[in-house]
Amino acid sequence: MADLEKTPIDRSPEVESALDVSSPIDGSQEKALILKQDLRIIPLCAAIYLLCYLDRSNIGNAKILNEDTGDDLLTETNMSSYQYTIALMVFLIAYALFEVPSNYLLKKLRPSRWIAFLMLSWGAATMGLGGTKNYAQVTGIRFLLGAMEAGLFPGLVYYLTFWYRNSERSMRVALILASATLAGAFGGAIAYGVGHMNQVHGLSAWRWLFIIEGAPSCASAIIVWFFLPDYPESAKWLTTEEKALAERRLRTEGSKGEAHAMTWEDAKGVLTDWRLYAHYAIYFGISTPFSSLSLFTPAITSGLGYTNLRAQLMTVPPWAAAYVVTTVVAWSADHFNSRGLHSALFAFIGAMGFLASAVLPPDAYLHRYGCLIVATSGAFACIPPLLGWLSANLRSTAGTGLAIALNVSVGAPGQIVGVWIYKSNEAKQGYPTGHWTNAALLLFVCAGCVLLRLYYGLRNRGIKTGEKFAY
């Protein structure tokens, strides 16, 4: 693959002087720079992902919204439960196909431009779902929605490598990912409110849900185009000294805005690095619980004795708890520089939540609702450290973008598994297939994290002692 892009940086003599790596970095200046970056970048990225997650998961709310009056998604589009599952799966197929090319385009076209385009596109697709009449239309638009949303999460993880060191990323990825749990909480609350709009202006509430939740993404694309900064070296809101400090900080452990686009050597280095496939396999394991909780939490709560609009409202506490746990775990993982073990511990906790749900009697509603909170918190909390762990073990700018996209792409088949395991005909039994499957996969994630951590420990020990490590 030819070298397609280089972004030359025209540095002033002051910046060149400030790039002198022989002098130590002033701690107070570094903290001030990080805070300045955080205030400009993290809230905006979290808001972008919140809108993305809201638009991808609201179909779960639409499925049961006003189903007691026959005004729900499945009834009005004449879709069966099987066809509904196919529509969910088609989204994930597109999601897997478009992640890698999207991360390439993010670097080539600038993050602000590409992410703004994606937002406008998926917002329009979400609003389009509000006008669907049949199974074919729902499935086709869900495919387009998957294609547009595919590049956002891996793109944001890649984007953070341009701004933050390895030890600083897990917490920030967590704050962005945790906005998905907020979206879950907001989604239930919004669906509860929108449910009272049934037949307003002749539209069912589920149609209003798609229209109302898609519109903010379209409008926010304008804000992202103008206000999302691309790279530290091109940020006009940083002083000359701050730009130099940002570049010095990331010289050995970050991606570079001026780096070339991906070459064949970059791609080959990532594709032939076997240890990365261990990361991919672990992420596959976490993707099934992530997907199934995203899409079926309303159905799960509906099966716990909560009906109609109250079922929408009862989806809020599990997501709110997951938000708190996810951010605390990510902070701890960064603080103690122990991402693998944190992921292993909370994957195990999530597995126990699902396992208890599977073995409890179907009518033990209160206990199983508590298990849902534990399972959701554990499953989501182990994801940010996993992504921070992956990016911390990569050095090439272009290779980092490919590896992150591949990691999330390999997770897409796991997400496809997630759309099949909560079977509608098992609702009265408490969805045992879904709970057992998620428990098993989270135990796999736990074991994989422990083994990979042991491998890195042996490798690091060999580097420190000067011994040649065979693998």
Protein backbone atom coordinates (compact mmCIF):
# COMPACT_ATOMS: atom_id res chain seq x y z
CA MET A 1 0.00 0.00 0.00
CA ALA A 2 1.47 3.32 -1.02
CA ASP A 3 2.13 6.14 1.38
CA LEU A 4 -1.00 8.20 0.72
CA GLU A 5 -0.73 11.09 3.13
CA LYS A 6 1.72 13.20 5.02
CA THR A 7 0.73 16.29 6.93
CA PRO A 8 3.77 18.55 7.18
CA ILE A 9 4.03 20.65 10.31
CA ASP A 10 5.48 24.13 9.90
CA ARG A 11 7.04 24.72 13.30
CA SER A 12 8.25 28.07 14.56
CA PRO A 13 11.74 28.39 16.14
CA GLU A 14 9.99 28.67 19.53
CA VAL A 15 8.32 25.28 19.08
CA GLU A 16 11.55 23.66 17.88
CA SER A 17 13.30 25.03 20.94
CA ALA A 18 10.53 23.84 23.24
CA LEU A 19 10.79 20.34 21.81
CA ASP A 20 14.17 19.85 23.48
CA VAL A 21 13.70 16.48 25.17
CA SER A 22 16.78 16.83 27.37
CA SER A 23 14.95 19.01 29.90
CA PRO A 24 12.38 17.45 32.27
CA ILE A 25 8.68 18.19 31.77
CA ASP A 26 7.24 20.61 34.31
CA GLY A 27 4.54 18.74 36.24
CA SER A 28 2.27 21.72 36.85
CA GLN A 29 2.38 22.73 33.18
CA GLU A 30 1.59 19.17 32.13
CA LYS A 31 -1.41 18.96 34.47
CA ALA A 32 -2.70 22.30 33.18
CA LEU A 33 -2.36 21.07 29.59
CA ILE A 34 -4.17 17.79 30.30
CA LEU A 35 -7.01 19.63 32.02
CA LYS A 36 -7.30 22.02 29.08
CA GLN A 37 -7.45 19.08 26.67
CA ASP A 38 -9.96 17.24 28.83
CA LEU A 39 -12.37 20.15 28.99
CA ARG A 40 -12.27 20.59 25.23
CA ILE A 41 -12.32 16.93 24.14
CA ILE A 42 -13.87 14.50 26.62
CA PRO A 43 -17.35 16.05 27.18
CA LEU A 44 -17.81 16.45 23.42
CA CYS A 45 -16.68 12.88 22.66
CA ALA A 46 -18.88 11.49 25.44
CA ALA A 47 -21.88 13.39 24.07
CA ILE A 48 -21.18 12.10 20.55
CA TYR A 49 -21.06 8.49 21.74
CA LEU A 50 -24.17 8.96 23.91
CA LEU A 51 -26.12 10.03 20.81
CA CYS A 52 -24.65 7.16 18.80
CA TYR A 53 -25.57 4.57 21.41
CA LEU A 54 -29.03 6.05 21.89
CA ASP A 55 -29.70 5.74 18.15
CA ARG A 56 -28.45 2.17 17.85
CA SER A 57 -30.22 0.74 20.91
CA ASN A 58 -33.59 2.54 20.80
CA ILE A 59 -35.00 -0.24 18.64
CA GLY A 60 -35.14 -2.33 21.83
CA ASN A 61 -37.40 0.28 23.41
CA ALA A 62 -39.47 0.59 20.22
CA LYS A 63 -40.10 -3.16 20.24
CA ILE A 64 -42.13 -3.10 23.45
CA LEU A 65 -43.39 0.50 23.43
CA ASN A 66 -47.23 0.46 23.66
CA GLU A 67 -47.40 -3.20 22.70
CA ASP A 68 -50.39 -3.56 25.03
CA THR A 69 -52.43 -1.44 22.57
CA GLY A 70 -50.95 -2.95 19.41
CA ASP A 71 -49.08 0.24 18.50
CA ASP A 72 -45.58 -1.23 18.79
CA LEU A 73 -42.89 -1.65 16.13
CA LEU A 74 -43.47 -5.34 15.38
CA THR A 75 -47.24 -5.08 15.11
CA GLU A 76 -47.29 -2.05 12.79
CA THR A 77 -44.56 -3.38 10.47
CA ASN A 78 -45.96 -6.97 10.52
CA MET A 79 -42.56 -8.29 11.65
CA SER A 80 -42.11 -11.58 13.46
CA SER A 81 -39.65 -11.97 16.36
CA TYR A 82 -37.35 -13.85 13.97
CA GLN A 83 -37.42 -11.02 11.42
CA TYR A 84 -36.75 -8.51 14.21
CA THR A 85 -33.65 -10.49 15.19
CA ILE A 86 -32.48 -10.49 11.55
CA ALA A 87 -32.84 -6.69 11.48
CA LEU A 88 -30.64 -6.48 14.59
CA MET A 89 -28.07 -8.82 13.03
CA VAL A 90 -27.88 -6.89 9.75
CA PHE A 91 -26.85 -3.78 11.69
CA LEU A 92 -23.92 -5.71 13.20
CA ILE A 93 -22.82 -7.17 9.86
CA ALA A 94 -22.50 -3.65 8.47
CA TYR A 95 -20.81 -2.61 11.73
CA ALA A 96 -18.11 -5.25 11.25
CA LEU A 97 -17.55 -4.51 7.56
CA PHE A 98 -17.05 -0.75 7.84
CA GLU A 99 -14.95 -0.32 11.01
CA VAL A 100 -11.49 -0.71 9.46
CA PRO A 101 -12.09 1.54 6.41
CA SER A 102 -13.72 4.11 8.67
CA ASN A 103 -10.64 4.34 10.92
CA TYR A 104 -8.48 4.79 7.82
CA LEU A 105 -10.69 7.63 6.62
CA LEU A 106 -10.69 9.27 10.05
CA LYS A 107 -6.92 9.77 9.78
CA LYS A 108 -6.97 10.71 6.11
CA LEU A 109 -9.88 13.17 6.21
CA ARG A 110 -9.35 14.60 9.75
CA PRO A 111 -11.34 13.41 12.79
CA SER A 112 -13.67 16.44 13.01
CA ARG A 113 -14.78 16.18 9.38
CA TRP A 114 -15.26 12.42 9.31
CA ILE A 115 -17.07 12.14 12.67
CA ALA A 116 -19.39 15.03 11.75
CA PHE A 117 -20.28 13.24 8.50
CA LEU A 118 -20.98 10.01 10.37
CA MET A 119 -23.23 11.80 12.88
CA LEU A 120 -25.29 13.49 10.20
CA SER A 121 -25.69 10.17 8.37
CA TRP A 122 -26.70 8.00 11.31
CA GLY A 123 -29.04 10.70 12.67
CA ALA A 124 -30.84 10.82 9.33
CA ALA A 125 -31.02 7.01 9.22
CA THR A 126 -32.50 6.89 12.72
CA MET A 127 -35.18 9.42 11.80
CA GLY A 128 -35.86 7.36 8.68
CA LEU A 129 -36.74 4.37 10.88
CA GLY A 130 -39.69 6.40 12.13
CA GLY A 131 -41.22 6.20 8.67
CA THR A 132 -40.75 2.49 7.98
CA LYS A 133 -43.74 0.39 6.97
CA ASN A 134 -42.41 -3.15 6.70
CA TYR A 135 -39.63 -5.60 7.51
CA ALA A 136 -37.58 -4.84 4.36
CA GLN A 137 -37.48 -1.11 5.11
CA VAL A 138 -36.49 -1.65 8.75
CA THR A 139 -33.73 -4.07 7.77
CA GLY A 140 -32.35 -1.86 4.98
CA ILE A 141 -32.17 1.23 7.16
CA ARG A 142 -30.62 -0.73 10.03
CA PHE A 143 -27.87 -1.82 7.63
CA LEU A 144 -27.19 1.82 6.71
CA LEU A 145 -27.23 2.75 10.39
CA GLY A 146 -24.63 0.06 11.14
CA ALA A 147 -22.40 1.26 8.31
CA MET A 148 -22.49 4.84 9.59
CA GLU A 149 -22.04 4.05 13.28
CA ALA A 150 -19.30 1.46 12.66
CA GLY A 151 -16.43 3.90 12.70
CA LEU A 152 -17.36 5.95 15.74
CA PHE A 153 -16.26 3.94 18.76
CA PRO A 154 -12.98 2.58 17.33
CA GLY A 155 -12.47 6.02 15.82
CA LEU A 156 -12.81 7.75 19.19
CA VAL A 157 -10.44 5.25 20.87
CA TYR A 158 -7.92 5.85 18.07
CA TYR A 159 -8.50 9.61 18.29
CA LEU A 160 -7.53 9.68 21.97
CA THR A 161 -4.11 8.25 21.11
CA PHE A 162 -3.33 11.57 19.42
CA TRP A 163 -3.86 13.44 22.69
CA TYR A 164 -3.08 11.19 25.68
CA ARG A 165 -0.42 8.85 27.01
CA ASN A 166 -1.05 5.16 27.60
CA SER A 167 -1.60 5.65 31.33
CA GLU A 168 -4.16 8.37 30.68
CA ARG A 169 -6.43 6.66 28.17
CA SER A 170 -8.43 4.06 30.11
CA MET A 171 -10.16 6.65 32.24
CA ARG A 172 -11.03 8.78 29.24
CA VAL A 173 -12.21 5.81 27.19
CA ALA A 174 -14.32 4.91 30.21
CA LEU A 175 -15.92 8.33 30.39
CA ILE A 176 -16.81 8.00 26.71
CA LEU A 177 -17.98 4.39 26.96
CA ALA A 178 -19.86 5.12 30.17
CA SER A 179 -21.97 7.55 28.18
CA ALA A 180 -23.41 4.39 26.60
CA THR A 181 -24.70 3.40 30.03
CA LEU A 182 -26.11 6.91 30.40
CA ALA A 183 -27.73 6.45 26.99
CA GLY A 184 -29.30 3.26 28.31
CA ALA A 185 -30.64 5.16 31.31
CA PHE A 186 -31.80 8.14 29.24
CA GLY A 187 -33.21 5.82 26.60
CA GLY A 188 -35.53 4.18 29.09
CA ALA A 189 -36.58 7.52 30.57
CA ILE A 190 -37.12 9.07 27.13
CA ALA A 191 -39.10 6.04 25.95
CA TYR A 192 -41.28 6.33 29.06
CA GLY A 193 -42.05 9.96 28.21
CA VAL A 194 -42.47 9.40 24.48
CA GLY A 195 -44.82 6.51 25.22
CA HIS A 196 -47.39 9.11 26.24
CA MET A 197 -47.19 10.64 22.73
CA ASN A 198 -48.87 7.65 21.14
CA GLN A 199 -51.00 8.74 18.14
CA VAL A 200 -50.03 12.41 18.48
CA HIS A 201 -50.47 13.82 14.95
CA GLY A 202 -51.43 10.29 13.89
CA LEU A 203 -48.01 8.76 14.66
CA SER A 204 -47.40 5.87 17.03
CA ALA A 205 -45.03 6.51 19.94
CA TRP A 206 -42.29 4.25 18.55
CA ARG A 207 -42.15 6.40 15.40
CA TRP A 208 -41.83 9.54 17.53
CA LEU A 209 -39.04 7.81 19.48
CA PHE A 210 -36.88 7.37 16.37
CA ILE A 211 -37.59 10.90 15.11
CA ILE A 212 -36.92 12.59 18.46
CA GLU A 213 -33.72 10.64 19.15
CA GLY A 214 -32.32 10.96 15.62
CA ALA A 215 -32.71 14.72 15.28
CA PRO A 216 -30.06 15.72 17.90
CA SER A 217 -27.38 13.70 16.07
CA CYS A 218 -28.05 15.61 12.85
CA ALA A 219 -27.95 18.97 14.62
CA SER A 220 -24.83 18.09 16.64
CA ALA A 221 -22.87 17.24 13.49
CA ILE A 222 -22.50 20.99 12.90
CA ILE A 223 -21.01 21.49 16.37
CA VAL A 224 -18.57 18.61 15.87
CA TRP A 225 -17.43 19.95 12.48
CA PHE A 226 -16.38 23.27 14.01
CA PHE A 227 -15.44 22.44 17.60
CA LEU A 228 -13.87 18.96 17.72
CA PRO A 229 -10.08 19.53 17.61
CA ASP A 230 -8.12 17.26 15.28
CA TYR A 231 -4.53 17.11 16.58
CA PRO A 232 -2.54 18.97 19.26
CA GLU A 233 -0.13 20.41 16.70
CA SER A 234 -2.97 22.05 14.77
CA ALA A 235 -5.09 23.19 17.74
CA LYS A 236 -5.45 26.97 17.63
CA TRP A 237 -6.59 27.07 21.27
CA LEU A 238 -3.19 25.79 22.44
CA THR A 239 -0.28 28.16 22.85
CA THR A 240 3.06 27.55 21.14
CA GLU A 241 4.51 26.18 24.38
CA GLU A 242 1.50 23.92 24.97
CA LYS A 243 1.74 22.46 21.47
CA ALA A 244 5.40 21.68 22.05
CA LEU A 245 4.63 20.12 25.43
CA ALA A 246 1.85 18.02 23.92
CA GLU A 247 4.22 16.71 21.27
CA ARG A 248 6.97 15.96 23.78
CA ARG A 249 4.56 14.04 26.00
CA LEU A 250 3.48 11.77 23.17
CA ARG A 251 6.82 11.33 21.44
CA THR A 252 7.24 7.73 22.64
CA GLU A 253 3.70 6.62 23.53
CA GLY A 254 1.13 8.29 21.35
CA SER A 255 -0.05 8.70 17.78
CA LYS A 256 1.09 11.64 15.69
CA GLY A 257 -1.09 13.95 13.64
CA GLU A 258 1.69 14.43 11.09
CA ALA A 259 2.32 10.70 10.72
CA HIS A 260 1.80 9.13 7.30
CA ALA A 261 -1.27 7.15 6.42
CA MET A 262 -1.05 3.38 6.71
CA THR A 263 1.49 1.55 4.57
CA TRP A 264 1.68 -2.16 3.82
CA GLU A 265 4.50 -2.49 6.35
CA ASP A 266 2.29 -0.97 9.06
CA ALA A 267 -0.56 -3.32 8.17
CA LYS A 268 1.69 -6.38 8.00
CA GLY A 269 3.17 -5.56 11.40
CA VAL A 270 -0.28 -5.55 12.98
CA LEU A 271 -1.66 -8.55 11.07
CA THR A 272 1.30 -10.79 11.94
CA ASP A 273 1.55 -9.88 15.65
CA TRP A 274 0.04 -12.95 17.32
CA ARG A 275 -0.39 -11.41 20.78
CA LEU A 276 -2.91 -8.94 19.35
CA TYR A 277 -5.15 -11.85 18.42
CA ALA A 278 -5.36 -12.71 22.11
CA HIS A 279 -6.72 -9.19 22.70
CA TYR A 280 -9.18 -9.66 19.83
CA ALA A 281 -10.40 -12.99 21.23
CA ILE A 282 -10.99 -11.44 24.65
CA TYR A 283 -12.91 -8.56 23.08
CA PHE A 284 -15.04 -11.07 21.17
CA GLY A 285 -16.01 -12.55 24.54
CA ILE A 286 -17.14 -9.24 26.01
CA SER A 287 -19.02 -8.20 22.86
CA THR A 288 -21.89 -10.66 23.34
CA PRO A 289 -22.91 -9.35 26.80
CA PHE A 290 -22.41 -5.77 25.54
CA SER A 291 -24.69 -6.34 22.56
CA SER A 292 -27.38 -8.35 24.31
CA LEU A 293 -27.70 -5.92 27.21
CA SER A 294 -27.84 -2.99 24.80
CA LEU A 295 -30.74 -4.46 22.85
CA PHE A 296 -32.65 -6.61 25.31
CA THR A 297 -32.58 -4.81 28.67
CA PRO A 298 -36.14 -3.51 28.05
CA ALA A 299 -37.30 -7.06 27.25
CA ILE A 300 -35.45 -8.50 30.28
CA THR A 301 -37.04 -5.98 32.65
CA SER A 302 -40.41 -6.63 31.01
CA GLY A 303 -39.95 -10.28 31.99
CA LEU A 304 -39.28 -9.36 35.63
CA GLY A 305 -42.85 -8.46 36.43
CA TYR A 306 -42.73 -4.93 35.03
CA THR A 307 -45.11 -4.18 32.19
CA ASN A 308 -45.89 -1.51 29.62
CA LEU A 309 -44.28 1.89 30.25
CA ARG A 310 -43.04 0.92 33.71
CA ALA A 311 -40.74 -1.65 32.08
CA GLN A 312 -39.10 1.24 30.19
CA LEU A 313 -38.59 3.16 33.43
CA MET A 314 -37.08 0.17 35.24
CA THR A 315 -34.25 -0.03 32.69
CA VAL A 316 -32.79 3.15 34.20
CA PRO A 317 -31.24 1.85 37.51
CA PRO A 318 -29.04 -0.90 35.95
CA TRP A 319 -27.55 1.59 33.48
CA ALA A 320 -27.09 4.30 36.12
CA ALA A 321 -25.23 1.86 38.38
CA ALA A 322 -23.09 0.70 35.45
CA TYR A 323 -22.09 4.31 34.74
CA VAL A 324 -20.71 4.80 38.25
CA VAL A 325 -18.93 1.44 38.38
CA THR A 326 -17.41 1.83 34.89
CA THR A 327 -15.85 5.22 35.66
CA VAL A 328 -14.50 4.15 39.05
CA VAL A 329 -12.96 0.97 37.64
CA ALA A 330 -11.32 2.85 34.77
CA TRP A 331 -9.81 5.38 37.15
CA SER A 332 -8.47 2.59 39.32
CA ALA A 333 -7.05 0.70 36.30
CA ASP A 334 -5.13 3.79 35.18
CA HIS A 335 -4.05 4.76 38.72
CA PHE A 336 -2.61 1.34 39.51
CA ASN A 337 -1.50 0.64 35.91
CA SER A 338 -3.28 -2.70 36.12
CA ARG A 339 -5.74 -2.90 33.25
CA GLY A 340 -5.73 -6.63 32.62
CA LEU A 341 -6.44 -7.62 36.22
CA HIS A 342 -9.18 -5.01 36.58
CA SER A 343 -10.88 -6.35 33.45
CA ALA A 344 -10.53 -9.92 34.73
CA LEU A 345 -12.06 -9.08 38.11
CA PHE A 346 -15.09 -7.26 36.76
CA ALA A 347 -15.67 -9.81 33.99
CA PHE A 348 -15.88 -12.37 36.80
CA ILE A 349 -18.32 -10.18 38.76
CA GLY A 350 -20.48 -9.75 35.66
CA ALA A 351 -20.39 -13.50 35.05
CA MET A 352 -21.65 -14.14 38.58
CA GLY A 353 -24.54 -11.74 37.98
CA PHE A 354 -25.60 -13.62 34.86
CA LEU A 355 -25.01 -17.00 36.49
CA ALA A 356 -27.24 -16.14 39.44
CA SER A 357 -29.94 -14.90 37.05
CA ALA A 358 -29.78 -18.23 35.21
CA VAL A 359 -30.17 -20.43 38.32
CA LEU A 360 -32.74 -18.38 40.25
CA PRO A 361 -36.42 -19.29 39.82
CA PRO A 362 -38.14 -17.32 37.02
CA ASP A 363 -40.51 -15.68 39.51
CA ALA A 364 -37.71 -14.42 41.83
CA TYR A 365 -38.18 -11.01 40.27
CA LEU A 366 -36.49 -8.80 42.85
CA HIS A 367 -33.41 -11.00 43.17
CA ARG A 368 -33.04 -11.33 39.42
CA TYR A 369 -33.40 -7.57 39.00
CA GLY A 370 -30.49 -7.13 41.44
CA CYS A 371 -28.50 -9.67 39.41
CA LEU A 372 -29.21 -7.63 36.25
CA ILE A 373 -27.66 -4.56 37.92
CA VAL A 374 -24.57 -6.57 38.93
CA ALA A 375 -24.24 -8.17 35.49
CA THR A 376 -24.59 -4.87 33.63
CA SER A 377 -22.07 -3.12 35.88
CA GLY A 378 -19.48 -5.89 35.62
CA ALA A 379 -19.83 -6.41 31.88
CA PHE A 380 -19.44 -2.74 30.99
CA ALA A 381 -16.74 -1.95 33.57
CA CYS A 382 -14.23 -4.38 32.07
CA ILE A 383 -14.33 -2.85 28.56
CA PRO A 384 -12.41 0.48 28.97
CA PRO A 385 -9.36 -1.14 30.60
CA LEU A 386 -9.31 -3.72 27.78
CA LEU A 387 -9.16 -1.00 25.13
CA GLY A 388 -6.56 0.99 27.07
CA TRP A 389 -4.51 -2.18 27.47
CA LEU A 390 -4.53 -2.81 23.73
CA SER A 391 -3.49 0.71 22.72
CA ALA A 392 -0.79 0.77 25.42
CA ASN A 393 0.95 -2.12 23.66
CA LEU A 394 1.09 -0.47 20.23
CA ARG A 395 3.58 2.06 18.94
CA SER A 396 2.86 2.86 15.27
CA THR A 397 0.29 5.61 14.60
CA ALA A 398 -1.17 3.90 11.53
CA GLY A 399 -0.86 0.46 13.13
CA THR A 400 -2.75 1.64 16.20
CA GLY A 401 -5.70 2.72 14.06
CA LEU A 402 -5.79 -0.66 12.29
CA ALA A 403 -5.42 -2.71 15.48
CA ILE A 404 -8.17 -0.85 17.33
CA ALA A 405 -10.53 -1.17 14.36
CA LEU A 406 -9.72 -4.88 13.99
CA ASN A 407 -10.27 -5.39 17.70
CA VAL A 408 -13.78 -3.92 17.55
CA SER A 409 -14.49 -5.63 14.20
CA VAL A 410 -13.64 -9.05 15.62
CA GLY A 411 -16.05 -8.20 18.41
CA ALA A 412 -18.86 -7.77 15.87
CA PRO A 413 -19.48 -11.55 15.49
CA GLY A 414 -19.77 -11.64 19.27
CA GLN A 415 -22.37 -8.90 19.06
CA ILE A 416 -24.22 -10.93 16.42
CA VAL A 417 -24.33 -13.85 18.88
CA GLY A 418 -25.84 -11.41 21.37
CA VAL A 419 -28.91 -10.74 19.23
CA TRP A 420 -29.88 -14.43 19.19
CA ILE A 421 -29.44 -15.59 22.79
CA TYR A 422 -32.41 -13.81 24.41
CA LYS A 423 -35.20 -15.82 22.83
CA SER A 424 -38.73 -14.47 22.96
CA ASN A 425 -40.14 -17.95 23.65
CA GLU A 426 -38.04 -18.14 26.86
CA ALA A 427 -39.45 -14.98 28.44
CA LYS A 428 -41.54 -16.88 30.99
CA GLN A 429 -38.52 -19.02 31.90
CA GLY A 430 -36.36 -15.96 32.60
CA TYR A 431 -34.23 -16.12 29.42
CA PRO A 432 -31.88 -18.91 30.62
CA THR A 433 -30.04 -19.27 27.28
CA GLY A 434 -29.04 -15.62 27.30
CA HIS A 435 -27.87 -15.62 30.91
CA TRP A 436 -25.89 -18.88 30.64
CA THR A 437 -24.20 -17.74 27.41
CA ASN A 438 -23.18 -14.37 28.82
CA ALA A 439 -21.89 -15.97 32.03
CA ALA A 440 -19.74 -18.43 30.08
CA LEU A 441 -18.28 -15.75 27.81
CA LEU A 442 -17.45 -13.43 30.70
CA LEU A 443 -15.62 -16.29 32.43
CA PHE A 444 -13.70 -16.75 29.17
CA VAL A 445 -12.82 -13.03 29.25
CA CYS A 446 -11.66 -13.36 32.85
CA ALA A 447 -9.41 -16.33 32.07
CA GLY A 448 -8.06 -14.69 28.91
CA CYS A 449 -7.13 -11.51 30.77
CA VAL A 450 -5.29 -13.43 33.47
CA LEU A 451 -3.32 -15.51 30.95
CA LEU A 452 -2.43 -12.48 28.82
CA ARG A 453 -1.34 -10.60 31.93
CA LEU A 454 0.94 -13.49 32.88
CA TYR A 455 2.41 -13.44 29.37
CA TYR A 456 3.14 -9.71 29.54
CA GLY A 457 4.64 -10.16 33.00
CA LEU A 458 7.09 -12.78 31.70
CA ARG A 459 7.89 -10.64 28.68
CA ASN A 460 8.55 -7.52 30.76
CA ARG A 461 10.72 -9.47 33.18
CA GLY A 462 12.77 -10.73 30.24
CA ILE A 463 13.22 -7.20 28.91
CA LYS A 464 14.38 -5.89 32.29
CA THR A 465 16.91 -8.70 32.77
CA GLY A 466 18.12 -8.52 29.17
CA GLU A 467 16.98 -12.07 28.40
CA LYS A 468 15.66 -12.84 24.94
CA PHE A 469 11.98 -13.72 25.11
CA ALA A 470 11.06 -16.39 22.63
CA TYR A 471 7.55 -15.17 21.81
